[in-house]
């Protein structure tokens, strides 16, 4: 198999790296990745005191901390903008095999 490759405007080869996962132990929920993603790939999720994902906006649940999650992986275009702004290197990206 070979990697899916595209070209930039000047013809330079470019290999997209798609977002696979976000390590919730490293993610601090700052939202920088969310702000730069133009494709709606990410979602803010809460983590309760038991370590269970929960709605961060539900007042009935005590949220221990917030983290970003990959909500729509199929929408990722592989631009890696989210990785560029992540200060904790919490994300895993991989190229796509054809």
PDB file of N, CA and C in Angstrom:
ATOM      1  N   UNK A   1       0.833  -1.190   0.000  1.00  0.00           N
ATOM      2  CA  UNK A   1       0.000   0.000   0.000  1.00  0.00           C
ATOM      3  C   UNK A   1       0.873   1.248   0.000  1.00  0.00           C
ATOM      4  N   UNK A   2       0.307   2.302  -0.522  1.00  0.00           N
ATOM      5  CA  UNK A   2       1.040   3.565  -0.528  1.00  0.00           C
ATOM      6  C   UNK A   2       0.222   4.615   0.210  1.00  0.00           C
ATOM      7  N   UNK A   3       0.907   5.653   0.653  1.00  0.00           N
ATOM      8  CA  UNK A   3       0.251   6.737   1.383  1.00  0.00           C
ATOM      9  C   UNK A   3      -0.524   7.624   0.424  1.00  0.00           C
ATOM     10  N   UNK A   4      -1.657   8.114   0.868  1.00  0.00           N
ATOM     11  CA  UNK A   4      -2.424   9.077   0.094  1.00  0.00           C
ATOM     12  C   UNK A   4      -1.627  10.372   0.084  1.00  0.00           C
ATOM     13  N   UNK A   5      -1.341  10.879  -1.101  1.00  0.00           N
ATOM     14  CA  UNK A   5      -0.516  12.071  -1.257  1.00  0.00           C
ATOM     15  C   UNK A   5      -1.251  13.092  -2.123  1.00  0.00           C
ATOM     16  N   UNK A   6      -1.146  14.331  -1.741  1.00  0.00           N
ATOM     17  CA  UNK A   6      -1.713  15.429  -2.508  1.00  0.00           C
ATOM     18  C   UNK A   6      -0.579  16.380  -2.876  1.00  0.00           C
ATOM     19  N   UNK A   7      -0.912  17.449  -3.580  1.00  0.00           N
ATOM     20  CA  UNK A   7       0.092  18.446  -3.941  1.00  0.00           C
ATOM     21  C   UNK A   7      -0.380  19.822  -3.502  1.00  0.00           C
ATOM     22  N   UNK A   8       0.577  20.643  -3.076  1.00  0.00           N
ATOM     23  CA  UNK A   8       0.254  22.030  -2.756  1.00  0.00           C
ATOM     24  C   UNK A   8       0.111  22.807  -4.055  1.00  0.00           C
ATOM     25  N   UNK A   9      -0.243  24.055  -3.964  1.00  0.00           N
ATOM     26  CA  UNK A   9      -0.458  24.876  -5.157  1.00  0.00           C
ATOM     27  C   UNK A   9       0.767  24.914  -6.070  1.00  0.00           C
ATOM     28  N   UNK A  10       1.970  24.906  -5.462  1.00  0.00           N
ATOM     29  CA  UNK A  10       3.185  24.957  -6.285  1.00  0.00           C
ATOM     30  C   UNK A  10       3.671  23.566  -6.714  1.00  0.00           C
ATOM     31  N   UNK A  11       2.893  22.525  -6.407  1.00  0.00           N
ATOM     32  CA  UNK A  11       3.238  21.176  -6.849  1.00  0.00           C
ATOM     33  C   UNK A  11       4.033  20.357  -5.851  1.00  0.00           C
ATOM     34  N   UNK A  12       4.337  20.930  -4.683  1.00  0.00           N
ATOM     35  CA  UNK A  12       5.069  20.204  -3.660  1.00  0.00           C
ATOM     36  C   UNK A  12       4.182  19.087  -3.095  1.00  0.00           C
ATOM     37  N   UNK A  13       4.750  17.905  -2.955  1.00  0.00           N
ATOM     38  CA  UNK A  13       3.989  16.775  -2.408  1.00  0.00           C
ATOM     39  C   UNK A  13       3.620  17.052  -0.956  1.00  0.00           C
ATOM     40  N   UNK A  14       2.413  16.654  -0.587  1.00  0.00           N
ATOM     41  CA  UNK A  14       1.914  16.842   0.765  1.00  0.00           C
ATOM     42  C   UNK A  14       1.151  15.607   1.198  1.00  0.00           C
ATOM     43  N   UNK A  15       1.500  15.077   2.360  1.00  0.00           N
ATOM     44  CA  UNK A  15       0.828  13.902   2.907  1.00  0.00           C
ATOM     45  C   UNK A  15       0.014  14.352   4.111  1.00  0.00           C
ATOM     46  N   UNK A  16      -1.319  14.261   4.034  1.00  0.00           N
ATOM     47  CA  UNK A  16      -2.142  14.650   5.181  1.00  0.00           C
ATOM     48  C   UNK A  16      -2.000  13.652   6.322  1.00  0.00           C
ATOM     49  N   UNK A  17      -2.029  14.150   7.526  1.00  0.00           N
ATOM     50  CA  UNK A  17      -1.979  13.316   8.732  1.00  0.00           C
ATOM     51  C   UNK A  17      -3.277  13.561   9.501  1.00  0.00           C
ATOM     52  N   UNK A  18      -4.107  12.526   9.559  1.00  0.00           N
ATOM     53  CA  UNK A  18      -5.450  12.634  10.130  1.00  0.00           C
ATOM     54  C   UNK A  18      -5.443  12.408  11.644  1.00  0.00           C
ATOM     55  N   UNK A  19      -6.291  13.145  12.336  1.00  0.00           N
ATOM     56  CA  UNK A  19      -6.400  13.028  13.787  1.00  0.00           C
ATOM     57  C   UNK A  19      -7.051  11.695  14.141  1.00  0.00           C
ATOM     58  N   UNK A  20      -6.339  10.879  14.914  1.00  0.00           N
ATOM     59  CA  UNK A  20      -6.856   9.580  15.348  1.00  0.00           C
ATOM     60  C   UNK A  20      -7.396   9.630  16.766  1.00  0.00           C
ATOM     61  N   UNK A  21      -6.670  10.277  17.655  1.00  0.00           N
ATOM     62  CA  UNK A  21      -7.045  10.247  19.065  1.00  0.00           C
ATOM     63  C   UNK A  21      -6.455  11.437  19.808  1.00  0.00           C
ATOM     64  N   UNK A  22      -7.049  11.713  20.968  1.00  0.00           N
ATOM     65  CA  UNK A  22      -6.537  12.721  21.888  1.00  0.00           C
ATOM     66  C   UNK A  22      -6.389  12.040  23.243  1.00  0.00           C
ATOM     67  N   UNK A  23      -5.199  12.113  23.796  1.00  0.00           N
ATOM     68  CA  UNK A  23      -4.911  11.492  25.091  1.00  0.00           C
ATOM     69  C   UNK A  23      -5.501  12.372  26.187  1.00  0.00           C
ATOM     70  N   UNK A  24      -6.560  11.870  26.852  1.00  0.00           N
ATOM     71  CA  UNK A  24      -7.217  12.710  27.862  1.00  0.00           C
ATOM     72  C   UNK A  24      -6.385  12.897  29.123  1.00  0.00           C
ATOM     73  N   UNK A  25      -5.308  12.117  29.259  1.00  0.00           N
ATOM     74  CA  UNK A  25      -4.401  12.333  30.394  1.00  0.00           C
ATOM     75  C   UNK A  25      -3.495  13.542  30.133  1.00  0.00           C
ATOM     76  N   UNK A  26      -3.276  13.860  28.861  1.00  0.00           N
ATOM     77  CA  UNK A  26      -2.424  14.995  28.493  1.00  0.00           C
ATOM     78  C   UNK A  26      -3.225  16.257  28.167  1.00  0.00           C
ATOM     79  N   UNK A  27      -4.414  16.090  27.627  1.00  0.00           N
ATOM     80  CA  UNK A  27      -5.231  17.225  27.208  1.00  0.00           C
ATOM     81  C   UNK A  27      -5.655  18.050  28.424  1.00  0.00           C
ATOM     82  N   UNK A  28      -5.525  19.374  28.297  1.00  0.00           N
ATOM     83  CA  UNK A  28      -5.925  20.275  29.377  1.00  0.00           C
ATOM     84  C   UNK A  28      -7.230  21.011  29.065  1.00  0.00           C
ATOM     85  N   UNK A  29      -7.848  20.679  27.931  1.00  0.00           N
ATOM     86  CA  UNK A  29      -9.137  21.270  27.588  1.00  0.00           C
ATOM     87  C   UNK A  29      -9.093  22.750  27.299  1.00  0.00           C
ATOM     88  N   UNK A  30      -7.980  23.240  26.803  1.00  0.00           N
ATOM     89  CA  UNK A  30      -7.826  24.678  26.574  1.00  0.00           C
ATOM     90  C   UNK A  30      -8.665  25.180  25.398  1.00  0.00           C
ATOM     91  N   UNK A  31      -8.980  24.318  24.441  1.00  0.00           N
ATOM     92  CA  UNK A  31      -9.816  24.697  23.310  1.00  0.00           C
ATOM     93  C   UNK A  31      -9.090  25.262  22.115  1.00  0.00           C
ATOM     94  N   UNK A  32      -7.770  25.354  22.171  1.00  0.00           N
ATOM     95  CA  UNK A  32      -7.038  25.907  21.024  1.00  0.00           C
ATOM     96  C   UNK A  32      -7.266  25.076  19.763  1.00  0.00           C
ATOM     97  N   UNK A  33      -7.242  23.746  19.904  1.00  0.00           N
ATOM     98  CA  UNK A  33      -7.443  22.871  18.748  1.00  0.00           C
ATOM     99  C   UNK A  33      -8.856  23.048  18.180  1.00  0.00           C
ATOM    100  N   UNK A  34      -9.815  23.191  19.060  1.00  0.00           N
ATOM    101  CA  UNK A  34     -11.201  23.386  18.649  1.00  0.00           C
ATOM    102  C   UNK A  34     -11.342  24.660  17.812  1.00  0.00           C
ATOM    103  N   UNK A  35     -10.658  25.710  18.243  1.00  0.00           N
ATOM    104  CA  UNK A  35     -10.742  26.995  17.554  1.00  0.00           C
ATOM    105  C   UNK A  35     -10.156  26.972  16.152  1.00  0.00           C
ATOM    106  N   UNK A  36      -9.104  26.166  15.920  1.00  0.00           N
ATOM    107  CA  UNK A  36      -8.480  26.158  14.600  1.00  0.00           C
ATOM    108  C   UNK A  36      -9.077  25.130  13.656  1.00  0.00           C
ATOM    109  N   UNK A  37      -9.858  24.188  14.178  1.00  0.00           N
ATOM    110  CA  UNK A  37     -10.451  23.156  13.318  1.00  0.00           C
ATOM    111  C   UNK A  37     -11.650  23.733  12.575  1.00  0.00           C
ATOM    112  N   UNK A  38     -11.562  23.749  11.253  1.00  0.00           N
ATOM    113  CA  UNK A  38     -12.652  24.293  10.436  1.00  0.00           C
ATOM    114  C   UNK A  38     -13.646  23.220  10.008  1.00  0.00           C
ATOM    115  N   UNK A  39     -13.421  21.973  10.425  1.00  0.00           N
ATOM    116  CA  UNK A  39     -14.234  20.859   9.948  1.00  0.00           C
ATOM    117  C   UNK A  39     -15.172  20.242  10.987  1.00  0.00           C
ATOM    118  N   UNK A  40     -15.191  20.753  12.196  1.00  0.00           N
ATOM    119  CA  UNK A  40     -16.091  20.236  13.224  1.00  0.00           C
ATOM    120  C   UNK A  40     -15.719  18.850  13.723  1.00  0.00           C
ATOM    121  N   UNK A  41     -14.442  18.567  13.780  1.00  0.00           N
ATOM    122  CA  UNK A  41     -13.960  17.249  14.188  1.00  0.00           C
ATOM    123  C   UNK A  41     -14.003  17.073  15.710  1.00  0.00           C
ATOM    124  N   UNK A  42     -13.807  18.138  16.451  1.00  0.00           N
ATOM    125  CA  UNK A  42     -13.604  18.050  17.899  1.00  0.00           C
ATOM    126  C   UNK A  42     -14.834  18.436  18.720  1.00  0.00           C
ATOM    127  N   UNK A  43     -14.860  17.926  19.956  1.00  0.00           N
ATOM    128  CA  UNK A  43     -15.941  18.239  20.886  1.00  0.00           C
ATOM    129  C   UNK A  43     -15.369  18.298  22.297  1.00  0.00           C
ATOM    130  N   UNK A  44     -15.816  19.275  23.074  1.00  0.00           N
ATOM    131  CA  UNK A  44     -15.406  19.395  24.466  1.00  0.00           C
ATOM    132  C   UNK A  44     -16.224  18.423  25.310  1.00  0.00           C
ATOM    133  N   UNK A  45     -15.540  17.638  26.127  1.00  0.00           N
ATOM    134  CA  UNK A  45     -16.189  16.657  26.993  1.00  0.00           C
ATOM    135  C   UNK A  45     -15.707  16.857  28.414  1.00  0.00           C
ATOM    136  N   UNK A  46     -16.585  16.607  29.359  1.00  0.00           N
ATOM    137  CA  UNK A  46     -16.204  16.668  30.760  1.00  0.00           C
ATOM    138  C   UNK A  46     -15.758  15.300  31.251  1.00  0.00           C
ATOM    139  N   UNK A  47     -14.966  15.291  32.299  1.00  0.00           N
ATOM    140  CA  UNK A  47     -14.559  14.065  32.980  1.00  0.00           C
ATOM    141  C   UNK A  47     -14.981  14.243  34.442  1.00  0.00           C
ATOM    142  N   UNK A  48     -15.795  13.301  34.940  1.00  0.00           N
ATOM    143  CA  UNK A  48     -16.228  13.425  36.330  1.00  0.00           C
ATOM    144  C   UNK A  48     -15.187  12.831  37.277  1.00  0.00           C
ATOM    145  N   UNK A  49     -15.469  12.844  38.581  1.00  0.00           N
ATOM    146  CA  UNK A  49     -14.490  12.391  39.580  1.00  0.00           C
ATOM    147  C   UNK A  49     -14.154  10.911  39.459  1.00  0.00           C
ATOM    148  N   UNK A  50     -15.020  10.128  38.776  1.00  0.00           N
ATOM    149  CA  UNK A  50     -14.754   8.700  38.562  1.00  0.00           C
ATOM    150  C   UNK A  50     -13.976   8.451  37.279  1.00  0.00           C
ATOM    151  N   UNK A  51     -13.677   9.510  36.526  1.00  0.00           N
ATOM    152  CA  UNK A  51     -12.967   9.370  35.268  1.00  0.00           C
ATOM    153  C   UNK A  51     -13.875   9.046  34.098  1.00  0.00           C
ATOM    154  N   UNK A  52     -15.178   9.199  34.297  1.00  0.00           N
ATOM    155  CA  UNK A  52     -16.162   8.899  33.269  1.00  0.00           C
ATOM    156  C   UNK A  52     -16.471  10.148  32.454  1.00  0.00           C
ATOM    157  N   UNK A  53     -16.529  10.011  31.110  1.00  0.00           N
ATOM    158  CA  UNK A  53     -16.909  11.161  30.278  1.00  0.00           C
ATOM    159  C   UNK A  53     -18.326  11.622  30.609  1.00  0.00           C
ATOM    160  N   UNK A  54     -18.540  12.922  30.587  1.00  0.00           N
ATOM    161  CA  UNK A  54     -19.852  13.481  30.892  1.00  0.00           C
ATOM    162  C   UNK A  54     -20.030  14.792  30.131  1.00  0.00           C
ATOM    163  N   UNK A  55     -21.257  15.292  30.150  1.00  0.00           N
ATOM    164  CA  UNK A  55     -21.573  16.562  29.518  1.00  0.00           C
ATOM    165  C   UNK A  55     -20.992  17.689  30.369  1.00  0.00           C
ATOM    166  N   UNK A  56     -20.060  18.466  29.814  1.00  0.00           N
ATOM    167  CA  UNK A  56     -19.424  19.512  30.620  1.00  0.00           C
ATOM    168  C   UNK A  56     -20.350  20.688  30.934  1.00  0.00           C
ATOM    169  N   UNK A  57     -21.516  20.727  30.298  1.00  0.00           N
ATOM    170  CA  UNK A  57     -22.432  21.844  30.485  1.00  0.00           C
ATOM    171  C   UNK A  57     -23.662  21.457  31.302  1.00  0.00           C
ATOM    172  N   UNK A  58     -23.665  20.229  31.860  1.00  0.00           N
ATOM    173  CA  UNK A  58     -24.770  19.756  32.681  1.00  0.00           C
ATOM    174  C   UNK A  58     -24.515  20.170  34.128  1.00  0.00           C
ATOM    175  N   UNK A  59     -25.372  21.007  34.660  1.00  0.00           N
ATOM    176  CA  UNK A  59     -25.197  21.509  36.030  1.00  0.00           C
ATOM    177  C   UNK A  59     -25.423  20.436  37.095  1.00  0.00           C
ATOM    178  N   UNK A  60     -26.048  19.315  36.715  1.00  0.00           N
ATOM    179  CA  UNK A  60     -26.328  18.240  37.668  1.00  0.00           C
ATOM    180  C   UNK A  60     -25.135  17.310  37.874  1.00  0.00           C
ATOM    181  N   UNK A  61     -24.105  17.463  37.068  1.00  0.00           N
ATOM    182  CA  UNK A  61     -22.922  16.602  37.144  1.00  0.00           C
ATOM    183  C   UNK A  61     -21.737  17.448  37.574  1.00  0.00           C
ATOM    184  N   UNK A  62     -20.953  16.942  38.508  1.00  0.00           N
ATOM    185  CA  UNK A  62     -19.748  17.666  38.917  1.00  0.00           C
ATOM    186  C   UNK A  62     -18.599  17.275  37.996  1.00  0.00           C
ATOM    187  N   UNK A  63     -18.163  18.228  37.210  1.00  0.00           N
ATOM    188  CA  UNK A  63     -17.096  17.999  36.241  1.00  0.00           C
ATOM    189  C   UNK A  63     -15.760  18.273  36.908  1.00  0.00           C
ATOM    190  N   UNK A  64     -14.898  17.258  36.905  1.00  0.00           N
ATOM    191  CA  UNK A  64     -13.566  17.388  37.496  1.00  0.00           C
ATOM    192  C   UNK A  64     -12.649  18.204  36.589  1.00  0.00           C
ATOM    193  N   UNK A  65     -12.742  17.897  35.289  1.00  0.00           N
ATOM    194  CA  UNK A  65     -11.953  18.640  34.304  1.00  0.00           C
ATOM    195  C   UNK A  65     -12.568  18.455  32.932  1.00  0.00           C
ATOM    196  N   UNK A  66     -12.110  19.255  31.985  1.00  0.00           N
ATOM    197  CA  UNK A  66     -12.617  19.180  30.614  1.00  0.00           C
ATOM    198  C   UNK A  66     -11.485  18.781  29.676  1.00  0.00           C
ATOM    199  N   UNK A  67     -11.835  17.993  28.657  1.00  0.00           N
ATOM    200  CA  UNK A  67     -10.870  17.557  27.649  1.00  0.00           C
ATOM    201  C   UNK A  67     -11.534  17.611  26.278  1.00  0.00           C
ATOM    202  N   UNK A  68     -10.723  17.666  25.253  1.00  0.00           N
ATOM    203  CA  UNK A  68     -11.219  17.617  23.893  1.00  0.00           C
ATOM    204  C   UNK A  68     -11.291  16.161  23.461  1.00  0.00           C
ATOM    205  N   UNK A  69     -12.289  15.816  22.651  1.00  0.00           N
ATOM    206  CA  UNK A  69     -12.418  14.468  22.108  1.00  0.00           C
ATOM    207  C   UNK A  69     -12.608  14.546  20.602  1.00  0.00           C
ATOM    208  N   UNK A  70     -12.346  13.428  19.931  1.00  0.00           N
ATOM    209  CA  UNK A  70     -12.542  13.335  18.484  1.00  0.00           C
ATOM    210  C   UNK A  70     -13.986  12.894  18.264  1.00  0.00           C
ATOM    211  N   UNK A  71     -14.847  13.836  17.935  1.00  0.00           N
ATOM    212  CA  UNK A  71     -16.275  13.556  17.782  1.00  0.00           C
ATOM    213  C   UNK A  71     -16.636  13.097  16.378  1.00  0.00           C
ATOM    214  N   UNK A  72     -15.972  13.652  15.375  1.00  0.00           N
ATOM    215  CA  UNK A  72     -16.282  13.352  13.974  1.00  0.00           C
ATOM    216  C   UNK A  72     -15.001  13.058  13.196  1.00  0.00           C
ATOM    217  N   UNK A  73     -14.378  11.893  13.424  1.00  0.00           N
ATOM    218  CA  UNK A  73     -13.093  11.611  12.786  1.00  0.00           C
ATOM    219  C   UNK A  73     -13.152  11.599  11.256  1.00  0.00           C
ATOM    220  N   UNK A  74     -14.300  11.241  10.702  1.00  0.00           N
ATOM    221  CA  UNK A  74     -14.437  11.212   9.250  1.00  0.00           C
ATOM    222  C   UNK A  74     -14.411  12.582   8.610  1.00  0.00           C
ATOM    223  N   UNK A  75     -14.598  13.623   9.391  1.00  0.00           N
ATOM    224  CA  UNK A  75     -14.573  14.991   8.862  1.00  0.00           C
ATOM    225  C   UNK A  75     -13.168  15.583   8.794  1.00  0.00           C
ATOM    226  N   UNK A  76     -12.192  14.914   9.410  1.00  0.00           N
ATOM    227  CA  UNK A  76     -10.816  15.421   9.433  1.00  0.00           C
ATOM    228  C   UNK A  76     -10.230  15.440   8.025  1.00  0.00           C
ATOM    229  N   UNK A  77      -9.611  16.572   7.644  1.00  0.00           N
ATOM    230  CA  UNK A  77      -8.988  16.703   6.332  1.00  0.00           C
ATOM    231  C   UNK A  77      -7.470  16.516   6.378  1.00  0.00           C
ATOM    232  N   UNK A  78      -6.936  16.261   7.557  1.00  0.00           N
ATOM    233  CA  UNK A  78      -5.507  15.973   7.686  1.00  0.00           C
ATOM    234  C   UNK A  78      -4.592  17.166   7.634  1.00  0.00           C
ATOM    235  N   UNK A  79      -5.090  18.340   7.957  1.00  0.00           N
ATOM    236  CA  UNK A  79      -4.273  19.555   7.873  1.00  0.00           C
ATOM    237  C   UNK A  79      -3.289  19.690   9.027  1.00  0.00           C
ATOM    238  N   UNK A  80      -3.569  19.021  10.142  1.00  0.00           N
ATOM    239  CA  UNK A  80      -2.730  19.038  11.348  1.00  0.00           C
ATOM    240  C   UNK A  80      -2.660  20.394  12.048  1.00  0.00           C
ATOM    241  N   UNK A  81      -3.588  21.279  11.757  1.00  0.00           N
ATOM    242  CA  UNK A  81      -3.615  22.570  12.453  1.00  0.00           C
ATOM    243  C   UNK A  81      -3.794  22.378  13.941  1.00  0.00           C
ATOM    244  N   UNK A  82      -4.607  21.387  14.321  1.00  0.00           N
ATOM    245  CA  UNK A  82      -4.841  21.136  15.741  1.00  0.00           C
ATOM    246  C   UNK A  82      -3.555  20.720  16.448  1.00  0.00           C
ATOM    247  N   UNK A  83      -2.733  19.934  15.787  1.00  0.00           N
ATOM    248  CA  UNK A  83      -1.459  19.508  16.381  1.00  0.00           C
ATOM    249  C   UNK A  83      -0.506  20.683  16.529  1.00  0.00           C
ATOM    250  N   UNK A  84      -0.571  21.592  15.591  1.00  0.00           N
ATOM    251  CA  UNK A  84       0.311  22.756  15.617  1.00  0.00           C
ATOM    252  C   UNK A  84       0.073  23.626  16.843  1.00  0.00           C
ATOM    253  N   UNK A  85      -1.188  23.753  17.266  1.00  0.00           N
ATOM    254  CA  UNK A  85      -1.503  24.631  18.401  1.00  0.00           C
ATOM    255  C   UNK A  85      -1.563  23.908  19.741  1.00  0.00           C
ATOM    256  N   UNK A  86      -1.461  22.576  19.737  1.00  0.00           N
ATOM    257  CA  UNK A  86      -1.556  21.821  20.987  1.00  0.00           C
ATOM    258  C   UNK A  86      -0.259  21.948  21.777  1.00  0.00           C
ATOM    259  N   UNK A  87      -0.360  22.550  22.954  1.00  0.00           N
ATOM    260  CA  UNK A  87       0.821  22.762  23.788  1.00  0.00           C
ATOM    261  C   UNK A  87       1.254  21.544  24.587  1.00  0.00           C
ATOM    262  N   UNK A  88       0.416  20.498  24.614  1.00  0.00           N
ATOM    263  CA  UNK A  88       0.751  19.315  25.412  1.00  0.00           C
ATOM    264  C   UNK A  88       1.035  18.074  24.564  1.00  0.00           C
ATOM    265  N   UNK A  89       0.987  18.214  23.252  1.00  0.00           N
ATOM    266  CA  UNK A  89       1.181  17.076  22.329  1.00  0.00           C
ATOM    267  C   UNK A  89       0.261  15.915  22.686  1.00  0.00           C
ATOM    268  N   UNK A  90      -0.991  16.220  22.932  1.00  0.00           N
ATOM    269  CA  UNK A  90      -1.967  15.221  23.350  1.00  0.00           C
ATOM    270  C   UNK A  90      -2.575  14.436  22.192  1.00  0.00           C
ATOM    271  N   UNK A  91      -2.295  14.846  20.967  1.00  0.00           N
ATOM    272  CA  UNK A  91      -2.960  14.263  19.810  1.00  0.00           C
ATOM    273  C   UNK A  91      -2.095  13.268  19.062  1.00  0.00           C
ATOM    274  N   UNK A  92      -2.769  12.271  18.484  1.00  0.00           N
ATOM    275  CA  UNK A  92      -2.121  11.279  17.622  1.00  0.00           C
ATOM    276  C   UNK A  92      -2.678  11.440  16.218  1.00  0.00           C
ATOM    277  N   UNK A  93      -1.767  11.620  15.260  1.00  0.00           N
ATOM    278  CA  UNK A  93      -2.138  11.770  13.847  1.00  0.00           C
ATOM    279  C   UNK A  93      -1.430  10.698  13.026  1.00  0.00           C
ATOM    280  N   UNK A  94      -2.097  10.214  11.987  1.00  0.00           N
ATOM    281  CA  UNK A  94      -1.479   9.243  11.088  1.00  0.00           C
ATOM    282  C   UNK A  94      -1.864   9.536   9.654  1.00  0.00           C
ATOM    283  N   UNK A  95      -0.974   9.195   8.716  1.00  0.00           N
ATOM    284  CA  UNK A  95      -1.337   9.323   7.306  1.00  0.00           C
ATOM    285  C   UNK A  95      -2.288   8.194   6.930  1.00  0.00           C
ATOM    286  N   UNK A  96      -2.917   8.308   5.799  1.00  0.00           N
ATOM    287  CA  UNK A  96      -3.889   7.329   5.316  1.00  0.00           C
ATOM    288  C   UNK A  96      -3.247   6.462   4.234  1.00  0.00           C
ATOM    289  N   UNK A  97      -3.395   5.153   4.359  1.00  0.00           N
ATOM    290  CA  UNK A  97      -2.936   4.240   3.311  1.00  0.00           C
ATOM    291  C   UNK A  97      -4.028   4.120   2.263  1.00  0.00           C
ATOM    292  N   UNK A  98      -3.595   4.045   0.999  1.00  0.00           N
ATOM    293  CA  UNK A  98      -4.591   3.884  -0.073  1.00  0.00           C
ATOM    294  C   UNK A  98      -4.812   2.425  -0.385  1.00  0.00           C
TER     295      UNK A  98
END
